[in-house]
C-alpha atoms as a PDB file:
ATOM      1  CA  UNK A   1       8.376 -31.767   2.985  1.00  0.00           C
ATOM      2  CA  UNK A   2       9.937 -27.948   2.468  1.00  0.00           C
ATOM      3  CA  UNK A   3       8.253 -25.092   0.313  1.00  0.00           C
ATOM      4  CA  UNK A   4      11.237 -23.389  -2.227  1.00  0.00           C
ATOM      5  CA  UNK A   5      10.393 -20.343  -1.872  1.00  0.00           C
ATOM      6  CA  UNK A   6      11.271 -18.964  -5.585  1.00  0.00           C
ATOM      7  CA  UNK A   7       9.303 -15.659  -7.503  1.00  0.00           C
ATOM      8  CA  UNK A   8       6.666 -18.112  -9.156  1.00  0.00           C
ATOM      9  CA  UNK A   9       5.793 -18.941  -5.539  1.00  0.00           C
ATOM     10  CA  UNK A  10       5.551 -16.263  -4.402  1.00  0.00           C
ATOM     11  CA  UNK A  11       3.411 -14.782  -7.243  1.00  0.00           C
ATOM     12  CA  UNK A  12       1.354 -17.263  -6.713  1.00  0.00           C
ATOM     13  CA  UNK A  13       0.213 -16.358  -3.281  1.00  0.00           C
ATOM     14  CA  UNK A  14       0.104 -12.780  -4.227  1.00  0.00           C
ATOM     15  CA  UNK A  15      -2.852 -13.824  -6.797  1.00  0.00           C
ATOM     16  CA  UNK A  16      -4.447 -16.062  -4.654  1.00  0.00           C
ATOM     17  CA  UNK A  17      -4.514 -12.928  -1.630  1.00  0.00           C
ATOM     18  CA  UNK A  18      -6.110 -10.518  -5.129  1.00  0.00           C
ATOM     19  CA  UNK A  19      -8.143 -13.794  -6.073  1.00  0.00           C
ATOM     20  CA  UNK A  20      -9.765 -13.695  -1.893  1.00  0.00           C
ATOM     21  CA  UNK A  21      -9.923  -9.609  -0.915  1.00  0.00           C
ATOM     22  CA  UNK A  22     -12.064  -9.349  -4.580  1.00  0.00           C
ATOM     23  CA  UNK A  23     -14.303 -12.199  -3.232  1.00  0.00           C
ATOM     24  CA  UNK A  24     -14.745 -10.057  -0.080  1.00  0.00           C
ATOM     25  CA  UNK A  25     -15.827  -7.307  -1.338  1.00  0.00           C
ATOM     26  CA  UNK A  26     -17.587  -8.717  -4.064  1.00  0.00           C
ATOM     27  CA  UNK A  27     -20.596  -9.923  -1.577  1.00  0.00           C
ATOM     28  CA  UNK A  28     -19.452  -6.749   0.604  1.00  0.00           C
ATOM     29  CA  UNK A  29     -19.606  -4.224  -0.943  1.00  0.00           C
ATOM     30  CA  UNK A  30     -17.406  -0.436  -0.834  1.00  0.00           C
ATOM     31  CA  UNK A  31     -18.375   1.482   2.097  1.00  0.00           C
ATOM     32  CA  UNK A  32     -16.900  -1.095   5.574  1.00  0.00           C
ATOM     33  CA  UNK A  33     -14.454  -0.192   8.216  1.00  0.00           C
ATOM     34  CA  UNK A  34     -10.909  -1.727   6.812  1.00  0.00           C
ATOM     35  CA  UNK A  35     -10.617  -3.723   9.859  1.00  0.00           C
ATOM     36  CA  UNK A  36     -13.904  -5.562   8.564  1.00  0.00           C
ATOM     37  CA  UNK A  37     -12.325  -6.306   5.726  1.00  0.00           C
ATOM     38  CA  UNK A  38      -9.185  -7.544   7.926  1.00  0.00           C
ATOM     39  CA  UNK A  39     -11.039 -10.123   9.916  1.00  0.00           C
ATOM     40  CA  UNK A  40     -13.159 -11.064   6.531  1.00  0.00           C
ATOM     41  CA  UNK A  41     -10.131 -11.755   4.178  1.00  0.00           C
ATOM     42  CA  UNK A  42      -7.347 -12.911   6.694  1.00  0.00           C
ATOM     43  CA  UNK A  43     -10.477 -15.720   7.723  1.00  0.00           C
ATOM     44  CA  UNK A  44     -10.399 -17.017   3.821  1.00  0.00           C
ATOM     45  CA  UNK A  45      -6.927 -17.183   3.317  1.00  0.00           C
ATOM     46  CA  UNK A  46      -6.630 -19.876   6.204  1.00  0.00           C
ATOM     47  CA  UNK A  47      -9.685 -21.415   5.400  1.00  0.00           C
ATOM     48  CA  UNK A  48      -7.904 -22.250   2.260  1.00  0.00           C
ATOM     49  CA  UNK A  49      -4.277 -23.191   3.962  1.00  0.00           C
ATOM     50  CA  UNK A  50      -2.560 -19.713   4.060  1.00  0.00           C
ATOM     51  CA  UNK A  51      -0.709 -18.463   7.572  1.00  0.00           C
ATOM     52  CA  UNK A  52      -2.079 -15.399   8.173  1.00  0.00           C
ATOM     53  CA  UNK A  53      -0.157 -12.637  11.000  1.00  0.00           C
ATOM     54  CA  UNK A  54      -2.355  -9.451  11.191  1.00  0.00           C
ATOM     55  CA  UNK A  55      -1.218  -6.212  13.096  1.00  0.00           C
ATOM     56  CA  UNK A  56       2.052  -7.820  14.185  1.00  0.00           C
ATOM     57  CA  UNK A  57       4.461  -4.834  15.373  1.00  0.00           C
ATOM     58  CA  UNK A  58       7.557  -4.203  13.288  1.00  0.00           C
ATOM     59  CA  UNK A  59      10.849  -3.873  15.361  1.00  0.00           C
ATOM     60  CA  UNK A  60      12.945  -0.523  14.205  1.00  0.00           C
ATOM     61  CA  UNK A  61      16.359  -0.618  14.998  1.00  0.00           C
ATOM     62  CA  UNK A  62      18.463   2.873  14.275  1.00  0.00           C
ATOM     63  CA  UNK A  63      21.971   2.109  14.926  1.00  0.00           C
ATOM     64  CA  UNK A  64      22.115  -0.515  17.703  1.00  0.00           C
ATOM     65  CA  UNK A  65      19.040   1.626  19.671  1.00  0.00           C
ATOM     66  CA  UNK A  66      15.726  -0.530  19.432  1.00  0.00           C
ATOM     67  CA  UNK A  67      12.489   1.496  18.779  1.00  0.00           C
ATOM     68  CA  UNK A  68       9.261   0.766  20.475  1.00  0.00           C
ATOM     69  CA  UNK A  69       6.945   3.070  17.858  1.00  0.00           C
ATOM     70  CA  UNK A  70       3.948   1.762  16.933  1.00  0.00           C
ATOM     71  CA  UNK A  71       4.804   0.710  13.196  1.00  0.00           C
ATOM     72  CA  UNK A  72       2.158  -2.218  12.251  1.00  0.00           C
ATOM     73  CA  UNK A  73       1.492  -4.067   9.359  1.00  0.00           C
ATOM     74  CA  UNK A  74      -2.163  -5.517   8.346  1.00  0.00           C
ATOM     75  CA  UNK A  75      -1.088  -9.094   7.502  1.00  0.00           C
ATOM     76  CA  UNK A  76       1.509 -10.706   6.896  1.00  0.00           C
ATOM     77  CA  UNK A  77       0.393 -14.274   3.836  1.00  0.00           C
ATOM     78  CA  UNK A  78       3.051 -17.168   4.228  1.00  0.00           C
ATOM     79  CA  UNK A  79       5.676 -15.197   6.162  1.00  0.00           C
ATOM     80  CA  UNK A  80       6.238 -13.464   2.825  1.00  0.00           C
ATOM     81  CA  UNK A  81       3.696 -10.578   0.937  1.00  0.00           C
ATOM     82  CA  UNK A  82       3.089  -7.571   3.476  1.00  0.00           C
ATOM     83  CA  UNK A  83      -1.092  -6.669   2.962  1.00  0.00           C
ATOM     84  CA  UNK A  84      -2.049  -3.369   3.746  1.00  0.00           C
ATOM     85  CA  UNK A  85      -5.772  -2.969   3.470  1.00  0.00           C
ATOM     86  CA  UNK A  86      -7.305   0.122   3.064  1.00  0.00           C
ATOM     87  CA  UNK A  87     -10.972   2.053   2.429  1.00  0.00           C
ATOM     88  CA  UNK A  88      -9.794   4.974   0.889  1.00  0.00           C
ATOM     89  CA  UNK A  89     -11.144   7.698  -2.151  1.00  0.00           C
ATOM     90  CA  UNK A  90      -7.824   6.127  -3.867  1.00  0.00           C
ATOM     91  CA  UNK A  91      -4.579   6.167  -3.443  1.00  0.00           C
ATOM     92  CA  UNK A  92      -2.433   8.292  -2.553  1.00  0.00           C
ATOM     93  CA  UNK A  93       2.043   7.747  -2.337  1.00  0.00           C
ATOM     94  CA  UNK A  94       2.108   7.286   0.873  1.00  0.00           C
ATOM     95  CA  UNK A  95       0.713   4.210   1.156  1.00  0.00           C
ATOM     96  CA  UNK A  96       3.168   3.181  -1.272  1.00  0.00           C
ATOM     97  CA  UNK A  97       5.747   5.038   1.024  1.00  0.00           C
ATOM     98  CA  UNK A  98       3.951   3.038   3.833  1.00  0.00           C
ATOM     99  CA  UNK A  99       4.486  -0.315   2.335  1.00  0.00           C
ATOM    100  CA  UNK A 100       7.503  -0.319   1.057  1.00  0.00           C
ATOM    101  CA  UNK A 101       9.299   1.019   4.615  1.00  0.00           C
ATOM    102  CA  UNK A 102       7.050  -2.315   5.499  1.00  0.00           C
ATOM    103  CA  UNK A 103       9.036  -3.803   3.194  1.00  0.00           C
ATOM    104  CA  UNK A 104      12.677  -3.008   3.800  1.00  0.00           C
ATOM    105  CA  UNK A 105      12.000  -3.478   7.890  1.00  0.00           C
ATOM    106  CA  UNK A 106      10.664  -6.884   7.068  1.00  0.00           C
ATOM    107  CA  UNK A 107      13.164  -7.840   4.154  1.00  0.00           C
ATOM    108  CA  UNK A 108       9.982  -9.283   2.659  1.00  0.00           C
ATOM    109  CA  UNK A 109       9.946 -10.065  -1.074  1.00  0.00           C
ATOM    110  CA  UNK A 110       6.170  -8.580  -2.333  1.00  0.00           C
ATOM    111  CA  UNK A 111       3.414  -6.197  -0.847  1.00  0.00           C
ATOM    112  CA  UNK A 112       0.408  -5.648  -1.932  1.00  0.00           C
ATOM    113  CA  UNK A 113      -1.983  -2.365  -1.539  1.00  0.00           C
ATOM    114  CA  UNK A 114      -5.561  -3.635  -1.539  1.00  0.00           C
ATOM    115  CA  UNK A 115      -8.835  -0.848  -0.902  1.00  0.00           C
ATOM    116  CA  UNK A 116     -11.828  -1.920  -0.994  1.00  0.00           C
ATOM    117  CA  UNK A 117     -13.344   0.976  -1.137  1.00  0.00           C
ATOM    118  CA  UNK A 118     -13.573   1.513  -4.968  1.00  0.00           C
ATOM    119  CA  UNK A 119     -16.031  -0.588  -7.851  1.00  0.00           C
ATOM    120  CA  UNK A 120     -13.052  -2.754  -8.805  1.00  0.00           C
ATOM    121  CA  UNK A 121     -10.780  -4.013  -7.233  1.00  0.00           C
ATOM    122  CA  UNK A 122      -9.282  -5.855 -10.010  1.00  0.00           C
ATOM    123  CA  UNK A 123      -9.081  -2.742 -11.717  1.00  0.00           C
ATOM    124  CA  UNK A 124      -8.312   0.273  -9.698  1.00  0.00           C
ATOM    125  CA  UNK A 125      -8.227  -1.152  -6.009  1.00  0.00           C
ATOM    126  CA  UNK A 126      -4.700  -3.123  -6.055  1.00  0.00           C
ATOM    127  CA  UNK A 127      -0.950  -2.298  -6.488  1.00  0.00           C
ATOM    128  CA  UNK A 128       2.100  -5.168  -5.775  1.00  0.00           C
ATOM    129  CA  UNK A 129       5.234  -4.041  -5.292  1.00  0.00           C
ATOM    130  CA  UNK A 130       8.302  -6.361  -4.890  1.00  0.00           C
ATOM    131  CA  UNK A 131      11.968  -5.412  -3.677  1.00  0.00           C
ATOM    132  CA  UNK A 132      15.199  -6.482  -3.480  1.00  0.00           C
ATOM    133  CA  UNK A 133      14.883  -9.487  -2.057  1.00  0.00           C
ATOM    134  CA  UNK A 134      12.119 -11.105  -4.894  1.00  0.00           C
ATOM    135  CA  UNK A 135      14.216 -10.225  -7.673  1.00  0.00           C
ATOM    136  CA  UNK A 136      17.039 -12.306  -5.442  1.00  0.00           C
ATOM    137  CA  UNK A 137      14.932 -15.080  -6.017  1.00  0.00           C
ATOM    138  CA  UNK A 138      14.711 -18.269  -8.252  1.00  0.00           C
ATOM    139  CA  UNK A 139      12.118 -17.655 -10.969  1.00  0.00           C
ATOM    140  CA  UNK A 140      10.913 -21.109 -11.021  1.00  0.00           C
END
């Protein structure tokens, strides 16, 4: 059975990702390395049936020139949602810009920034972003 990709489906995955990030944060707390949170979040997602790719390079083609430029996303969940993890005092505009660039280059519908160096991920430690690819998906 093939899953129909809709805005609702993408939003459900996004909600699950944030929920699992909150679980990781509650258990481990702030102050650890980003790579630790990444491994733990990926583990929770995978044992709950999600497909997770980690630390893959992002291809960049400029007018036929293939560039190996070292761009890497933290996670790609179900080949739909890019998740960028941070352990910073607060988000800064470059974090959003980086995520939007990855979304554009990979043509993905949604991205999530998650900061594990905060008190409450739900209130202050996450931001979600959608692209035109998301807007073109059927709603239900």
